[in-house]
Amino acid sequence: MATLETIRESLRGAADELNPQCRCPLDIAEVLARLGISLEFKAIQGRSGRAYLVIGDSASVVVSRNRTAPSLAEGDRFSIAHEVGHWVVWRRFGFLPSSKTEYWKHEALCNEFAALLLVPPRFLAGFLRDLEQRHRVYSVFFPKCVASSARVSWDVAARSITALPSARLAYLKLSTMKCEDSLTRDDSPQEILKVVCSSFAGRAGSFLGEGARIRDNQLSDWMRGLRINERATKPLTINLGQLQLCNVGACFARQSKNCWTVQFHTDDEGITMPSGQA
């Protein structure tokens, strides 16, 4: 049976073959048609945007929808591209994951494939250079611009940027959440910050620091003082488990009332993470 690294290299090659001109946004429905894979929609109450691969006499990708929509949303596009990754593995290696461990490893590989297909590195490198040099866009806003151009989510855009070695940029998305085990003076749950997206890849598709809670009232109060779309810089020291930042020069931008972007450079000496990951 092929090794995971062999499958990864094959998927990377397939992403180049399926989008050789690095089109962004890529017409994912046209890619399916070219491969002879049909696209179907199935109404499932309370479940939307998830896709799965059906292999029989002919292959099809089924997108779950809880309502009819005229076009594919960002989540639909990524889910479909992910299932194309599974189809490539099946066609080239003749198997699908058979165990839970194997399944999750393949999920990570197909997520990587979907990002490469929808946000090709060659496109991304030139796009970021153009944003910085021609349009004078600050790097904290890069994921938003990439997401809009490639029609992917902010999370996929941020992780694609960090995966590009020449970019040397990392991102965190922070959001407020109610913490039931921490009460205010009036006995109501206190709002704390949570890392809802990290662009630092960990093992088997995980991301370092994602899900961590930040109990720093001084930082929270300062961030809440920012206006929406306002940019500000500040040294950042936080412990996010396997990802720790000590006096790292960070750039902050408020996305919405309860959401912030944090950007810093991957080669900052104040970053500590497991060896071999960056």
C-alpha atoms as a PDB file:
ATOM      1  CA  MET A   1       0.000   0.000   0.000  1.00  0.00           C
ATOM      2  CA  ALA A   2       1.256   3.520  -0.803  1.00  0.00           C
ATOM      3  CA  THR A   3       2.743   5.570   2.019  1.00  0.00           C
ATOM      4  CA  LEU A   4       1.134   8.806   3.160  1.00  0.00           C
ATOM      5  CA  GLU A   5       4.028  10.789   1.711  1.00  0.00           C
ATOM      6  CA  THR A   6       3.571   9.089  -1.658  1.00  0.00           C
ATOM      7  CA  ILE A   7      -0.134   9.956  -1.568  1.00  0.00           C
ATOM      8  CA  ARG A   8       0.644  13.538  -0.540  1.00  0.00           C
ATOM      9  CA  GLU A   9       3.040  14.024  -3.456  1.00  0.00           C
ATOM     10  CA  SER A  10       0.514  12.513  -5.852  1.00  0.00           C
ATOM     11  CA  LEU A  11      -2.197  14.876  -4.598  1.00  0.00           C
ATOM     12  CA  ARG A  12       0.104  17.862  -4.956  1.00  0.00           C
ATOM     13  CA  GLY A  13       0.786  16.849  -8.548  1.00  0.00           C
ATOM     14  CA  ALA A  14      -2.933  16.380  -9.170  1.00  0.00           C
ATOM     15  CA  ALA A  15      -3.679  19.890  -7.874  1.00  0.00           C
ATOM     16  CA  ASP A  16      -1.230  21.310 -10.429  1.00  0.00           C
ATOM     17  CA  GLU A  17      -2.705  19.162 -13.209  1.00  0.00           C
ATOM     18  CA  LEU A  18      -6.291  20.167 -12.450  1.00  0.00           C
ATOM     19  CA  ASN A  19      -5.525  23.887 -12.215  1.00  0.00           C
ATOM     20  CA  PRO A  20      -2.451  24.354 -14.430  1.00  0.00           C
ATOM     21  CA  GLN A  21      -3.188  28.017 -15.139  1.00  0.00           C
ATOM     22  CA  CYS A  22      -3.677  28.787 -11.438  1.00  0.00           C
ATOM     23  CA  ARG A  23      -7.148  30.201 -11.988  1.00  0.00           C
ATOM     24  CA  CYS A  24      -8.676  32.004  -9.028  1.00  0.00           C
ATOM     25  CA  PRO A  25     -11.477  31.619  -8.410  1.00  0.00           C
ATOM     26  CA  LEU A  26     -11.415  28.140  -9.896  1.00  0.00           C
ATOM     27  CA  ASP A  27     -14.623  26.817 -11.474  1.00  0.00           C
ATOM     28  CA  ILE A  28     -14.848  23.673  -9.352  1.00  0.00           C
ATOM     29  CA  ALA A  29     -17.990  22.479 -11.170  1.00  0.00           C
ATOM     30  CA  GLU A  30     -16.034  22.578 -14.438  1.00  0.00           C
ATOM     31  CA  VAL A  31     -13.276  20.481 -12.848  1.00  0.00           C
ATOM     32  CA  LEU A  32     -15.855  17.863 -11.843  1.00  0.00           C
ATOM     33  CA  ALA A  33     -17.285  17.804 -15.366  1.00  0.00           C
ATOM     34  CA  ARG A  34     -13.808  17.371 -16.832  1.00  0.00           C
ATOM     35  CA  LEU A  35     -13.193  14.386 -14.562  1.00  0.00           C
ATOM     36  CA  GLY A  36     -16.575  12.825 -15.305  1.00  0.00           C
ATOM     37  CA  ILE A  37     -17.784  13.298 -11.721  1.00  0.00           C
ATOM     38  CA  SER A  38     -21.396  14.392 -11.374  1.00  0.00           C
ATOM     39  CA  LEU A  39     -22.467  17.023  -8.844  1.00  0.00           C
ATOM     40  CA  GLU A  40     -25.642  16.391  -6.877  1.00  0.00           C
ATOM     41  CA  PHE A  41     -27.463  18.146  -4.056  1.00  0.00           C
ATOM     42  CA  LYS A  42     -29.370  16.483  -1.255  1.00  0.00           C
ATOM     43  CA  ALA A  43     -31.603  18.249   1.221  1.00  0.00           C
ATOM     44  CA  ILE A  44     -30.746  17.300   4.788  1.00  0.00           C
ATOM     45  CA  GLN A  45     -32.427  19.293   7.534  1.00  0.00           C
ATOM     46  CA  GLY A  46     -29.979  21.196   9.690  1.00  0.00           C
ATOM     47  CA  ARG A  47     -26.947  20.177   7.667  1.00  0.00           C
ATOM     48  CA  SER A  48     -25.498  22.336   4.918  1.00  0.00           C
ATOM     49  CA  GLY A  49     -22.240  22.683   3.030  1.00  0.00           C
ATOM     50  CA  ARG A  50     -20.932  19.193   3.718  1.00  0.00           C
ATOM     51  CA  ALA A  51     -20.102  16.985   0.761  1.00  0.00           C
ATOM     52  CA  TYR A  52     -19.378  13.300   0.333  1.00  0.00           C
ATOM     53  CA  LEU A  53     -18.115  11.084  -2.460  1.00  0.00           C
ATOM     54  CA  VAL A  54     -20.199   8.278  -3.946  1.00  0.00           C
ATOM     55  CA  ILE A  55     -18.403   5.686  -6.067  1.00  0.00           C
ATOM     56  CA  GLY A  56     -20.434   3.242  -8.125  1.00  0.00           C
ATOM     57  CA  ASP A  57     -20.746   2.753 -11.852  1.00  0.00           C
ATOM     58  CA  SER A  58     -19.797   6.420 -11.989  1.00  0.00           C
ATOM     59  CA  ALA A  59     -18.547   8.806  -9.328  1.00  0.00           C
ATOM     60  CA  SER A  60     -20.526  11.684  -7.888  1.00  0.00           C
ATOM     61  CA  VAL A  61     -20.033  14.326  -5.231  1.00  0.00           C
ATOM     62  CA  VAL A  62     -23.156  14.997  -3.170  1.00  0.00           C
ATOM     63  CA  VAL A  63     -23.497  18.331  -1.373  1.00  0.00           C
ATOM     64  CA  SER A  64     -25.812  18.431   1.638  1.00  0.00           C
ATOM     65  CA  ARG A  65     -28.138  21.396   1.661  1.00  0.00           C
ATOM     66  CA  ASN A  66     -30.860  22.481   4.062  1.00  0.00           C
ATOM     67  CA  ARG A  67     -32.156  24.938   1.484  1.00  0.00           C
ATOM     68  CA  THR A  68     -31.857  25.645  -2.220  1.00  0.00           C
ATOM     69  CA  ALA A  69     -29.104  28.084  -3.152  1.00  0.00           C
ATOM     70  CA  PRO A  70     -28.393  29.495  -6.615  1.00  0.00           C
ATOM     71  CA  SER A  71     -24.623  29.120  -6.399  1.00  0.00           C
ATOM     72  CA  LEU A  72     -21.883  27.308  -4.511  1.00  0.00           C
ATOM     73  CA  ALA A  73     -20.791  28.987  -1.290  1.00  0.00           C
ATOM     74  CA  GLU A  74     -17.175  29.052  -0.105  1.00  0.00           C
ATOM     75  CA  GLY A  75     -17.749  26.051   2.160  1.00  0.00           C
ATOM     76  CA  ASP A  76     -19.370  24.093  -0.671  1.00  0.00           C
ATOM     77  CA  ARG A  77     -16.399  24.744  -2.951  1.00  0.00           C
ATOM     78  CA  PHE A  78     -13.862  23.568  -0.391  1.00  0.00           C
ATOM     79  CA  SER A  79     -15.897  20.470   0.511  1.00  0.00           C
ATOM     80  CA  ILE A  80     -16.211  19.529  -3.158  1.00  0.00           C
ATOM     81  CA  ALA A  81     -12.485  20.054  -3.757  1.00  0.00           C
ATOM     82  CA  HIS A  82     -11.785  17.891  -0.691  1.00  0.00           C
ATOM     83  CA  GLU A  83     -13.884  15.050  -2.138  1.00  0.00           C
ATOM     84  CA  VAL A  84     -12.048  15.367  -5.461  1.00  0.00           C
ATOM     85  CA  GLY A  85      -8.917  14.606  -3.406  1.00  0.00           C
ATOM     86  CA  HIS A  86     -10.482  11.365  -2.183  1.00  0.00           C
ATOM     87  CA  TRP A  87     -11.437  10.540  -5.779  1.00  0.00           C
ATOM     88  CA  VAL A  88      -7.826  11.083  -6.924  1.00  0.00           C
ATOM     89  CA  VAL A  89      -6.559   8.733  -4.206  1.00  0.00           C
ATOM     90  CA  TRP A  90      -9.144   6.110  -5.188  1.00  0.00           C
ATOM     91  CA  ARG A  91      -8.312   6.359  -8.903  1.00  0.00           C
ATOM     92  CA  ARG A  92      -4.538   6.347  -8.477  1.00  0.00           C
ATOM     93  CA  PHE A  93      -4.121   3.956  -5.574  1.00  0.00           C
ATOM     94  CA  GLY A  94      -7.306   1.906  -5.687  1.00  0.00           C
ATOM     95  CA  PHE A  95      -8.486   2.333  -2.119  1.00  0.00           C
ATOM     96  CA  LEU A  96     -10.326   4.556   0.344  1.00  0.00           C
ATOM     97  CA  PRO A  97      -9.503   4.870   4.087  1.00  0.00           C
ATOM     98  CA  SER A  98     -10.472   1.705   5.953  1.00  0.00           C
ATOM     99  CA  SER A  99      -9.705   2.581   9.579  1.00  0.00           C
ATOM    100  CA  LYS A 100     -10.400   5.554  11.818  1.00  0.00           C
ATOM    101  CA  THR A 101      -6.706   6.466  12.048  1.00  0.00           C
ATOM    102  CA  GLU A 102      -6.258   6.181   8.301  1.00  0.00           C
ATOM    103  CA  TYR A 103      -9.426   8.190   7.727  1.00  0.00           C
ATOM    104  CA  TRP A 104      -8.218  11.210   9.703  1.00  0.00           C
ATOM    105  CA  LYS A 105      -4.826  11.148   8.013  1.00  0.00           C
ATOM    106  CA  HIS A 106      -6.508  11.116   4.624  1.00  0.00           C
ATOM    107  CA  GLU A 107      -8.814  13.934   5.720  1.00  0.00           C
ATOM    108  CA  ALA A 108      -5.755  16.093   6.434  1.00  0.00           C
ATOM    109  CA  LEU A 109      -4.209  15.208   3.061  1.00  0.00           C
ATOM    110  CA  CYS A 110      -7.419  15.992   1.173  1.00  0.00           C
ATOM    111  CA  ASN A 111      -7.807  19.305   3.021  1.00  0.00           C
ATOM    112  CA  GLU A 112      -4.274  20.158   1.934  1.00  0.00           C
ATOM    113  CA  PHE A 113      -5.134  19.151  -1.637  1.00  0.00           C
ATOM    114  CA  ALA A 114      -8.302  21.285  -1.642  1.00  0.00           C
ATOM    115  CA  ALA A 115      -6.369  24.346  -0.485  1.00  0.00           C
ATOM    116  CA  LEU A 116      -3.683  23.830  -3.145  1.00  0.00           C
ATOM    117  CA  LEU A 117      -6.327  23.393  -5.834  1.00  0.00           C
ATOM    118  CA  LEU A 118      -8.370  26.460  -4.891  1.00  0.00           C
ATOM    119  CA  VAL A 119      -5.469  28.700  -3.797  1.00  0.00           C
ATOM    120  CA  PRO A 120      -2.469  27.635  -5.935  1.00  0.00           C
ATOM    121  CA  PRO A 121       0.878  28.739  -4.426  1.00  0.00           C
ATOM    122  CA  ARG A 122       2.000  30.335  -7.711  1.00  0.00           C
ATOM    123  CA  PHE A 123      -1.132  32.481  -7.775  1.00  0.00           C
ATOM    124  CA  LEU A 124      -0.850  33.252  -4.080  1.00  0.00           C
ATOM    125  CA  ALA A 125       2.780  34.419  -4.187  1.00  0.00           C
ATOM    126  CA  GLY A 126       2.067  36.900  -6.967  1.00  0.00           C
ATOM    127  CA  PHE A 127      -1.219  38.025  -5.423  1.00  0.00           C
ATOM    128  CA  LEU A 128       0.383  38.797  -2.057  1.00  0.00           C
ATOM    129  CA  ARG A 129       3.228  40.662  -3.743  1.00  0.00           C
ATOM    130  CA  ASP A 130       0.693  42.712  -5.678  1.00  0.00           C
ATOM    131  CA  LEU A 131      -1.320  43.476  -2.543  1.00  0.00           C
ATOM    132  CA  GLU A 132       1.768  44.719  -0.726  1.00  0.00           C
ATOM    133  CA  GLN A 133       3.640  46.568  -3.464  1.00  0.00           C
ATOM    134  CA  ARG A 134       0.891  47.959  -5.699  1.00  0.00           C
ATOM    135  CA  HIS A 135      -2.082  48.331  -3.393  1.00  0.00           C
ATOM    136  CA  ARG A 136      -0.225  48.962  -0.103  1.00  0.00           C
ATOM    137  CA  VAL A 137      -2.454  46.529   1.781  1.00  0.00           C
ATOM    138  CA  TYR A 138      -1.256  45.646   5.298  1.00  0.00           C
ATOM    139  CA  SER A 139      -0.523  41.933   5.749  1.00  0.00           C
ATOM    140  CA  VAL A 140      -3.071  41.601   8.567  1.00  0.00           C
ATOM    141  CA  PHE A 141      -5.745  42.056   5.857  1.00  0.00           C
ATOM    142  CA  PHE A 142      -4.207  39.558   3.387  1.00  0.00           C
ATOM    143  CA  PRO A 143      -6.492  36.611   4.315  1.00  0.00           C
ATOM    144  CA  LYS A 144      -9.614  38.703   3.716  1.00  0.00           C
ATOM    145  CA  CYS A 145      -8.347  39.723   0.259  1.00  0.00           C
ATOM    146  CA  VAL A 146      -7.299  36.166  -0.671  1.00  0.00           C
ATOM    147  CA  ALA A 147     -10.612  34.736   0.555  1.00  0.00           C
ATOM    148  CA  SER A 148     -12.545  37.188  -1.612  1.00  0.00           C
ATOM    149  CA  SER A 149     -10.430  36.582  -4.724  1.00  0.00           C
ATOM    150  CA  ALA A 150     -10.259  32.767  -4.486  1.00  0.00           C
ATOM    151  CA  ARG A 151     -13.785  32.345  -3.051  1.00  0.00           C
ATOM    152  CA  VAL A 152     -12.612  30.398  -0.024  1.00  0.00           C
ATOM    153  CA  SER A 153     -13.118  30.962   3.687  1.00  0.00           C
ATOM    154  CA  TRP A 154     -10.913  33.275   5.749  1.00  0.00           C
ATOM    155  CA  ASP A 155      -9.496  30.211   7.523  1.00  0.00           C
ATOM    156  CA  VAL A 156      -8.427  28.512   4.264  1.00  0.00           C
ATOM    157  CA  ALA A 157      -6.910  31.767   3.016  1.00  0.00           C
ATOM    158  CA  ALA A 158      -4.907  32.355   6.206  1.00  0.00           C
ATOM    159  CA  ARG A 159      -3.586  28.788   6.297  1.00  0.00           C
ATOM    160  CA  SER A 160      -2.636  28.930   2.615  1.00  0.00           C
ATOM    161  CA  ILE A 161      -0.623  32.089   3.278  1.00  0.00           C
ATOM    162  CA  THR A 162       1.240  30.524   6.212  1.00  0.00           C
ATOM    163  CA  ALA A 163       1.937  27.382   4.139  1.00  0.00           C
ATOM    164  CA  LEU A 164       3.698  29.587   1.564  1.00  0.00           C
ATOM    165  CA  PRO A 165       7.356  29.661   2.765  1.00  0.00           C
ATOM    166  CA  SER A 166       8.136  33.005   1.158  1.00  0.00           C
ATOM    167  CA  ALA A 167       5.292  34.755   3.005  1.00  0.00           C
ATOM    168  CA  ARG A 168       6.616  34.134   6.547  1.00  0.00           C
ATOM    169  CA  LEU A 169       3.242  35.184   7.966  1.00  0.00           C
ATOM    170  CA  ALA A 170       1.081  33.560  10.619  1.00  0.00           C
ATOM    171  CA  TYR A 171      -2.454  34.342  11.751  1.00  0.00           C
ATOM    172  CA  LEU A 172      -4.830  33.831  14.644  1.00  0.00           C
ATOM    173  CA  LYS A 173      -8.537  34.601  14.617  1.00  0.00           C
ATOM    174  CA  LEU A 174      -9.925  35.455  18.034  1.00  0.00           C
ATOM    175  CA  SER A 175     -13.554  35.625  19.060  1.00  0.00           C
ATOM    176  CA  THR A 176     -15.381  36.283  22.311  1.00  0.00           C
ATOM    177  CA  MET A 177     -17.189  33.513  24.138  1.00  0.00           C
ATOM    178  CA  LYS A 178     -19.168  33.186  27.358  1.00  0.00           C
ATOM    179  CA  CYS A 179     -17.235  31.353  30.053  1.00  0.00           C
ATOM    180  CA  GLU A 180     -19.630  29.622  32.453  1.00  0.00           C
ATOM    181  CA  ASP A 181     -16.895  28.841  34.983  1.00  0.00           C
ATOM    182  CA  SER A 182     -15.917  32.511  35.273  1.00  0.00           C
ATOM    183  CA  LEU A 183     -18.585  34.894  36.560  1.00  0.00           C
ATOM    184  CA  THR A 184     -18.771  38.680  36.725  1.00  0.00           C
ATOM    185  CA  ARG A 185     -19.867  40.608  39.816  1.00  0.00           C
ATOM    186  CA  ASP A 186     -23.523  40.234  38.840  1.00  0.00           C
ATOM    187  CA  ASP A 187     -23.113  36.424  38.550  1.00  0.00           C
ATOM    188  CA  SER A 188     -23.363  36.447  34.728  1.00  0.00           C
ATOM    189  CA  PRO A 189     -20.792  34.483  32.654  1.00  0.00           C
ATOM    190  CA  GLN A 190     -17.679  36.463  31.788  1.00  0.00           C
ATOM    191  CA  GLU A 191     -16.741  36.967  28.159  1.00  0.00           C
ATOM    192  CA  ILE A 192     -13.251  35.708  27.308  1.00  0.00           C
ATOM    193  CA  LEU A 193     -11.315  35.329  24.066  1.00  0.00           C
ATOM    194  CA  LYS A 194     -11.001  32.058  22.182  1.00  0.00           C
ATOM    195  CA  VAL A 195      -8.702  31.135  19.298  1.00  0.00           C
ATOM    196  CA  VAL A 196     -11.195  30.008  16.642  1.00  0.00           C
ATOM    197  CA  CYS A 197      -8.581  29.677  13.896  1.00  0.00           C
ATOM    198  CA  SER A 198      -4.807  29.238  13.860  1.00  0.00           C
ATOM    199  CA  SER A 199      -2.752  29.102  10.671  1.00  0.00           C
ATOM    200  CA  PHE A 200       0.155  27.180  12.256  1.00  0.00           C
ATOM    201  CA  ALA A 201      -0.241  23.564  11.118  1.00  0.00           C
ATOM    202  CA  GLY A 202       0.219  20.812  13.689  1.00  0.00           C
ATOM    203  CA  ARG A 203       0.048  17.053  13.220  1.00  0.00           C
ATOM    204  CA  ALA A 204      -2.616  15.232  11.200  1.00  0.00           C
ATOM    205  CA  GLY A 205      -4.464  18.368  10.166  1.00  0.00           C
ATOM    206  CA  SER A 206      -4.572  20.022  13.579  1.00  0.00           C
ATOM    207  CA  PHE A 207      -3.541  23.637  14.107  1.00  0.00           C
ATOM    208  CA  LEU A 208      -1.405  24.841  16.986  1.00  0.00           C
ATOM    209  CA  GLY A 209      -3.236  26.948  19.558  1.00  0.00           C
ATOM    210  CA  GLU A 210      -6.665  26.470  18.002  1.00  0.00           C
ATOM    211  CA  GLY A 211      -9.399  26.255  20.617  1.00  0.00           C
ATOM    212  CA  ALA A 212      -7.252  27.858  23.331  1.00  0.00           C
ATOM    213  CA  ARG A 213      -8.887  30.309  25.714  1.00  0.00           C
ATOM    214  CA  ILE A 214      -7.216  33.597  26.532  1.00  0.00           C
ATOM    215  CA  ARG A 215      -7.858  34.959  30.022  1.00  0.00           C
ATOM    216  CA  ASP A 216      -6.072  38.286  29.714  1.00  0.00           C
ATOM    217  CA  ASN A 217      -8.407  41.126  30.685  1.00  0.00           C
ATOM    218  CA  GLN A 218      -5.887  43.801  29.788  1.00  0.00           C
ATOM    219  CA  LEU A 219      -5.468  42.429  26.260  1.00  0.00           C
ATOM    220  CA  SER A 220      -9.231  41.889  25.886  1.00  0.00           C
ATOM    221  CA  ASP A 221     -10.031  45.446  26.949  1.00  0.00           C
ATOM    222  CA  TRP A 222      -7.418  46.854  24.557  1.00  0.00           C
ATOM    223  CA  MET A 223      -8.773  44.795  21.642  1.00  0.00           C
ATOM    224  CA  ARG A 224     -12.358  45.834  22.376  1.00  0.00           C
ATOM    225  CA  GLY A 225     -11.187  49.430  22.079  1.00  0.00           C
ATOM    226  CA  LEU A 226     -10.344  48.953  18.396  1.00  0.00           C
ATOM    227  CA  ARG A 227     -12.846  50.069  15.771  1.00  0.00           C
ATOM    228  CA  ILE A 228     -14.006  47.644  13.078  1.00  0.00           C
ATOM    229  CA  ASN A 229     -11.320  47.403  10.350  1.00  0.00           C
ATOM    230  CA  GLU A 230      -8.923  49.423  12.512  1.00  0.00           C
ATOM    231  CA  ARG A 231      -5.296  48.210  12.506  1.00  0.00           C
ATOM    232  CA  ALA A 232      -2.957  48.468  15.496  1.00  0.00           C
ATOM    233  CA  THR A 233       0.350  46.939  16.579  1.00  0.00           C
ATOM    234  CA  LYS A 234       1.307  45.640  20.000  1.00  0.00           C
ATOM    235  CA  PRO A 235       3.874  43.215  21.498  1.00  0.00           C
ATOM    236  CA  LEU A 236       2.035  40.003  22.317  1.00  0.00           C
ATOM    237  CA  THR A 237       2.779  37.468  25.048  1.00  0.00           C
ATOM    238  CA  ILE A 238       0.329  34.558  25.330  1.00  0.00           C
ATOM    239  CA  ASN A 239       0.438  30.847  26.107  1.00  0.00           C
ATOM    240  CA  LEU A 240      -1.699  28.783  23.731  1.00  0.00           C
ATOM    241  CA  GLY A 241      -0.515  25.329  24.769  1.00  0.00           C
ATOM    242  CA  GLN A 242       1.880  24.039  22.127  1.00  0.00           C
ATOM    243  CA  LEU A 243       2.100  27.528  20.655  1.00  0.00           C
ATOM    244  CA  GLN A 244       3.608  30.215  22.863  1.00  0.00           C
ATOM    245  CA  LEU A 245       4.363  33.813  21.967  1.00  0.00           C
ATOM    246  CA  CYS A 246       6.716  35.913  24.079  1.00  0.00           C
ATOM    247  CA  ASN A 247       6.922  39.623  23.287  1.00  0.00           C
ATOM    248  CA  VAL A 248       6.187  38.951  19.626  1.00  0.00           C
ATOM    249  CA  GLY A 249       5.508  41.968  17.436  1.00  0.00           C
ATOM    250  CA  ALA A 250       1.886  41.465  16.400  1.00  0.00           C
ATOM    251  CA  CYS A 251      -0.572  43.355  14.248  1.00  0.00           C
ATOM    252  CA  PHE A 252      -4.254  43.387  15.220  1.00  0.00           C
ATOM    253  CA  ALA A 253      -7.358  44.205  13.184  1.00  0.00           C
ATOM    254  CA  ARG A 254     -10.951  44.060  14.292  1.00  0.00           C
ATOM    255  CA  GLN A 255     -13.095  42.113  11.794  1.00  0.00           C
ATOM    256  CA  SER A 256     -16.444  42.576  13.489  1.00  0.00           C
ATOM    257  CA  LYS A 257     -17.982  43.293  16.878  1.00  0.00           C
ATOM    258  CA  ASN A 258     -16.777  39.974  18.336  1.00  0.00           C
ATOM    259  CA  CYS A 259     -13.925  38.907  16.024  1.00  0.00           C
ATOM    260  CA  TRP A 260     -10.278  39.975  15.633  1.00  0.00           C
ATOM    261  CA  THR A 261      -7.351  39.010  13.393  1.00  0.00           C
ATOM    262  CA  VAL A 262      -3.827  38.769  14.803  1.00  0.00           C
ATOM    263  CA  GLN A 263      -0.854  38.598  12.417  1.00  0.00           C
ATOM    264  CA  PHE A 264       2.834  38.075  13.145  1.00  0.00           C
ATOM    265  CA  HIS A 265       5.939  36.731  11.409  1.00  0.00           C
ATOM    266  CA  THR A 266       6.760  33.014  11.561  1.00  0.00           C
ATOM    267  CA  ASP A 267      10.488  33.637  12.094  1.00  0.00           C
ATOM    268  CA  ASP A 268      10.085  35.839  15.185  1.00  0.00           C
ATOM    269  CA  GLU A 269      12.434  34.547  17.881  1.00  0.00           C
ATOM    270  CA  GLY A 270       9.715  34.881  20.507  1.00  0.00           C
ATOM    271  CA  ILE A 271       7.674  32.010  19.026  1.00  0.00           C
ATOM    272  CA  THR A 272       7.900  28.599  20.705  1.00  0.00           C
ATOM    273  CA  MET A 273       6.262  25.477  19.208  1.00  0.00           C
ATOM    274  CA  PRO A 274       7.053  21.764  18.764  1.00  0.00           C
ATOM    275  CA  SER A 275      10.272  21.208  16.824  1.00  0.00           C
ATOM    276  CA  GLY A 276       9.904  20.750  13.087  1.00  0.00           C
ATOM    277  CA  GLN A 277       6.700  22.791  12.841  1.00  0.00           C
ATOM    278  CA  ALA A 278       6.480  26.321  11.547  1.00  0.00           C
END
